N, C-alpha and C. Protein backbone atom coordinates (compact mmCIF):
# COMPACT_ATOMS: atom_id res chain seq x y z
N MET A 1 62.36 -41.46 -4.21
CA MET A 1 61.13 -42.12 -4.03
C MET A 1 60.67 -42.33 -2.93
N PRO A 2 59.40 -41.92 -2.19
CA PRO A 2 59.54 -41.89 -0.98
C PRO A 2 58.95 -42.93 -0.53
N SER A 3 59.36 -43.18 0.50
CA SER A 3 58.83 -44.19 1.50
C SER A 3 57.97 -43.92 2.83
N VAL A 4 57.08 -44.62 2.60
CA VAL A 4 56.20 -44.53 4.74
C VAL A 4 56.07 -46.15 5.12
N SER A 5 56.42 -46.19 6.36
CA SER A 5 56.47 -46.91 7.03
C SER A 5 55.47 -47.13 8.12
N THR A 6 54.89 -48.90 8.27
CA THR A 6 54.34 -48.75 9.74
C THR A 6 54.98 -50.23 10.84
N THR A 7 54.55 -49.93 12.16
CA THR A 7 54.97 -51.29 12.79
C THR A 7 53.81 -51.49 13.30
N PHE A 8 53.57 -52.49 13.11
CA PHE A 8 52.31 -53.15 14.17
C PHE A 8 53.11 -54.04 16.11
N VAL A 9 52.74 -53.96 16.85
CA VAL A 9 53.53 -54.66 17.52
C VAL A 9 52.33 -55.57 18.66
N TRP A 10 51.27 -56.60 18.56
CA TRP A 10 51.36 -58.24 19.21
C TRP A 10 52.25 -58.30 20.74
N SER A 11 51.24 -58.20 21.55
CA SER A 11 52.27 -58.51 23.00
C SER A 11 51.47 -60.15 23.82
N GLY A 12 52.10 -60.88 23.71
CA GLY A 12 51.89 -61.96 25.28
C GLY A 12 53.04 -63.66 24.47
N SER A 13 52.33 -64.08 24.50
CA SER A 13 53.12 -65.51 25.27
C SER A 13 54.33 -65.80 24.08
N ARG A 14 55.52 -66.05 24.16
CA ARG A 14 55.88 -66.75 22.92
C ARG A 14 55.26 -67.58 21.76
N SER A 15 54.60 -68.44 22.55
CA SER A 15 54.41 -69.56 21.79
C SER A 15 53.55 -69.02 20.95
N ARG A 16 52.46 -68.23 21.49
CA ARG A 16 51.94 -67.70 20.62
C ARG A 16 52.48 -66.80 19.74
N ALA A 17 53.61 -65.84 19.98
CA ALA A 17 53.47 -65.09 18.96
C ALA A 17 54.47 -65.85 18.30
N GLU A 18 55.12 -66.93 18.03
CA GLU A 18 55.81 -68.39 16.48
C GLU A 18 54.25 -68.67 16.14
N ALA A 19 53.10 -68.95 16.42
CA ALA A 19 52.54 -69.47 15.68
C ALA A 19 51.29 -68.19 14.81
N LEU A 20 51.17 -66.75 16.11
CA LEU A 20 50.48 -66.35 15.07
C LEU A 20 51.73 -65.86 13.76
N LEU A 21 53.10 -65.70 14.00
CA LEU A 21 53.84 -65.03 12.58
C LEU A 21 54.13 -66.51 11.61
N ALA A 22 53.98 -68.26 12.52
CA ALA A 22 53.56 -69.32 11.17
C ALA A 22 53.07 -68.51 10.06
N GLY A 23 51.41 -68.30 10.37
CA GLY A 23 50.26 -68.38 9.62
C GLY A 23 50.18 -67.02 8.80
N ILE A 24 50.93 -66.10 9.47
CA ILE A 24 51.27 -64.48 8.03
C ILE A 24 52.64 -64.93 6.99
N SER A 25 53.82 -65.78 7.91
CA SER A 25 54.75 -65.98 7.11
C SER A 25 54.70 -66.59 5.72
N ALA A 26 53.81 -67.97 5.69
CA ALA A 26 53.94 -67.55 3.92
C ALA A 26 53.03 -66.44 2.80
N ASP A 27 52.44 -65.47 3.30
CA ASP A 27 51.52 -64.44 2.84
C ASP A 27 52.09 -64.15 1.68
N ASP A 28 52.90 -63.17 2.17
CA ASP A 28 53.78 -62.12 0.93
C ASP A 28 55.17 -61.61 1.71
N PRO A 29 55.78 -62.77 2.20
CA PRO A 29 57.09 -62.03 2.72
C PRO A 29 58.07 -61.33 2.54
N GLU A 30 57.82 -60.48 1.30
CA GLU A 30 58.83 -59.92 1.08
C GLU A 30 57.81 -58.27 0.84
N SER A 31 57.13 -58.34 1.18
CA SER A 31 56.42 -57.18 1.63
C SER A 31 56.24 -56.88 3.28
N PHE A 32 56.57 -57.58 3.62
CA PHE A 32 57.27 -57.36 5.22
C PHE A 32 58.02 -57.82 6.39
N ASP A 33 58.65 -56.91 7.72
CA ASP A 33 59.80 -57.86 8.13
C ASP A 33 58.89 -57.15 9.71
N ALA A 34 59.45 -59.50 10.23
CA ALA A 34 58.06 -59.50 11.61
C ALA A 34 59.78 -59.99 12.33
N LYS A 35 59.31 -59.65 13.39
CA LYS A 35 61.01 -60.24 14.68
C LYS A 35 59.49 -60.19 16.02
N ILE A 36 60.56 -61.71 16.95
CA ILE A 36 60.11 -62.54 18.26
C ILE A 36 61.10 -61.61 18.81
N ILE A 37 60.63 -61.23 19.70
CA ILE A 37 61.46 -60.46 20.76
C ILE A 37 60.81 -60.60 22.30
N ASP A 38 61.99 -60.37 23.52
CA ASP A 38 61.61 -60.98 24.50
C ASP A 38 61.70 -59.30 24.74
N VAL A 39 60.35 -59.42 26.05
CA VAL A 39 60.15 -58.05 26.47
C VAL A 39 60.06 -58.44 27.92
N GLY A 40 60.40 -57.81 29.06
CA GLY A 40 60.15 -57.92 30.12
C GLY A 40 59.33 -59.58 30.28
N ASN A 41 58.45 -59.93 30.63
CA ASN A 41 58.14 -60.66 31.20
C ASN A 41 57.61 -61.65 29.84
N GLY A 42 56.83 -60.95 28.59
CA GLY A 42 56.42 -61.15 27.98
C GLY A 42 57.67 -61.41 26.43
N THR A 43 56.97 -61.31 25.86
CA THR A 43 56.92 -61.42 23.99
C THR A 43 56.14 -60.07 22.90
N GLU A 44 56.50 -59.77 22.39
CA GLU A 44 56.25 -59.14 21.08
C GLU A 44 56.92 -59.61 19.84
N LEU A 45 55.88 -59.51 19.37
CA LEU A 45 55.60 -60.07 17.17
C LEU A 45 55.56 -58.73 16.86
N ARG A 46 56.52 -57.89 16.47
CA ARG A 46 56.75 -56.66 15.43
C ARG A 46 56.78 -56.89 13.79
N ILE A 47 55.39 -55.98 13.28
CA ILE A 47 55.66 -56.21 12.53
C ILE A 47 55.74 -55.18 10.80
N THR A 48 56.61 -54.38 10.60
CA THR A 48 57.18 -53.67 9.99
C THR A 48 57.30 -54.00 8.50
N VAL A 49 56.63 -52.54 7.83
CA VAL A 49 55.70 -53.05 6.76
C VAL A 49 56.22 -51.89 6.17
N VAL A 50 56.70 -52.03 4.84
CA VAL A 50 57.18 -50.95 4.35
C VAL A 50 57.39 -50.52 2.76
N GLY A 51 56.35 -49.17 1.73
CA GLY A 51 55.62 -49.36 0.92
C GLY A 51 56.31 -47.68 0.02
N THR A 52 55.69 -47.57 -0.58
CA THR A 52 56.41 -46.24 -1.96
C THR A 52 55.09 -45.72 -1.19
N SER A 53 54.20 -46.12 -1.48
CA SER A 53 52.61 -45.35 -0.30
C SER A 53 52.10 -45.45 -0.42
N LEU A 54 51.22 -44.33 0.83
CA LEU A 54 50.21 -45.60 2.23
C LEU A 54 49.50 -45.71 1.66
N LYS A 55 48.48 -45.81 1.06
CA LYS A 55 47.66 -47.13 -0.67
C LYS A 55 48.56 -47.78 -0.14
N THR A 56 49.68 -48.38 -0.65
CA THR A 56 49.97 -50.43 -0.27
C THR A 56 50.87 -50.11 0.83
N VAL A 57 51.37 -49.18 1.90
CA VAL A 57 51.60 -49.68 3.26
C VAL A 57 49.65 -50.31 4.13
N ARG A 58 49.07 -48.93 3.00
CA ARG A 58 47.91 -49.95 4.20
C ARG A 58 47.08 -51.13 4.24
N MET A 59 47.19 -51.27 2.39
CA MET A 59 46.28 -52.86 1.66
C MET A 59 47.71 -53.52 2.45
N THR A 60 48.98 -53.30 2.60
CA THR A 60 49.48 -54.63 2.66
C THR A 60 49.46 -54.79 4.39
N MET A 61 49.40 -53.71 5.00
CA MET A 61 48.75 -53.60 6.85
C MET A 61 47.30 -54.90 6.58
N ASP A 62 46.38 -54.30 6.44
CA ASP A 62 45.37 -54.84 5.96
C ASP A 62 45.22 -56.32 6.60
N ASP A 63 45.97 -56.80 4.76
CA ASP A 63 45.89 -58.22 4.48
C ASP A 63 46.39 -59.22 5.39
N LEU A 64 48.09 -58.67 6.43
CA LEU A 64 48.47 -59.49 7.32
C LEU A 64 47.28 -59.02 8.76
N LEU A 65 46.70 -57.98 9.05
CA LEU A 65 45.75 -58.10 9.76
C LEU A 65 44.89 -59.56 9.86
N ALA A 66 44.22 -58.85 9.30
CA ALA A 66 42.79 -59.99 8.77
C ALA A 66 43.92 -61.97 8.92
N CYS A 67 44.72 -61.52 8.57
CA CYS A 67 45.54 -63.64 8.57
C CYS A 67 45.32 -63.31 9.93
N LEU A 68 45.91 -62.09 10.32
CA LEU A 68 46.55 -62.57 11.48
C LEU A 68 45.29 -63.29 12.78
N SER A 69 44.39 -62.37 12.60
CA SER A 69 43.00 -62.07 12.90
C SER A 69 42.34 -63.88 12.19
N ALA A 70 42.77 -64.51 11.89
CA ALA A 70 41.52 -65.27 11.30
C ALA A 70 43.07 -67.18 12.10
N ALA A 71 44.82 -65.93 11.99
CA ALA A 71 45.07 -67.48 12.90
C ALA A 71 45.04 -66.81 14.67
N ASP A 72 45.33 -65.79 14.87
CA ASP A 72 44.28 -66.25 16.35
C ASP A 72 42.75 -66.29 16.86
N SER A 73 41.85 -66.54 15.73
CA SER A 73 40.09 -66.89 15.64
C SER A 73 40.70 -68.53 16.38
N GLY A 74 41.63 -69.02 15.66
CA GLY A 74 42.03 -70.17 14.91
C GLY A 74 42.80 -71.03 16.29
N LEU A 75 43.43 -70.35 16.62
CA LEU A 75 44.27 -70.24 18.52
C LEU A 75 43.36 -70.50 19.78
N ASP A 76 42.15 -69.38 19.08
CA ASP A 76 41.57 -69.39 20.63
C ASP A 76 40.56 -70.56 20.11
N ALA A 77 40.60 -71.22 19.27
CA ALA A 77 39.05 -72.54 19.28
C ALA A 77 40.29 -74.23 19.14
N ILE A 78 40.58 -73.63 19.40
CA ILE A 78 42.09 -75.27 20.34
C ILE A 78 42.49 -74.81 21.23
N ASP A 79 42.50 -73.69 22.27
CA ASP A 79 42.22 -73.66 23.44
C ASP A 79 41.14 -73.92 23.96
N ASP A 80 40.46 -73.29 23.74
CA ASP A 80 38.63 -73.70 23.86
C ASP A 80 38.40 -74.98 24.16
N SER A 81 39.50 -75.91 23.62
CA SER A 81 38.55 -77.07 22.13
C SER A 81 39.54 -78.60 23.60
């Protein structure tokens, strides 16, 4: 069976990476693998999606990016207050 994968990498602070990961963990945890990795002076949140078709991987990544965007906007609102 064919396999397709893609990896999204976000860079920033560990606390923000943990908050972003918490924002997507309940989404559909079986559909992706996420890790927080310390790199140099920062942190990376790496999200890998694997599926059987480009369409499936794209739909999953679109959902995750929407959730990450919402979580990021919420964190910005908290930081601004």
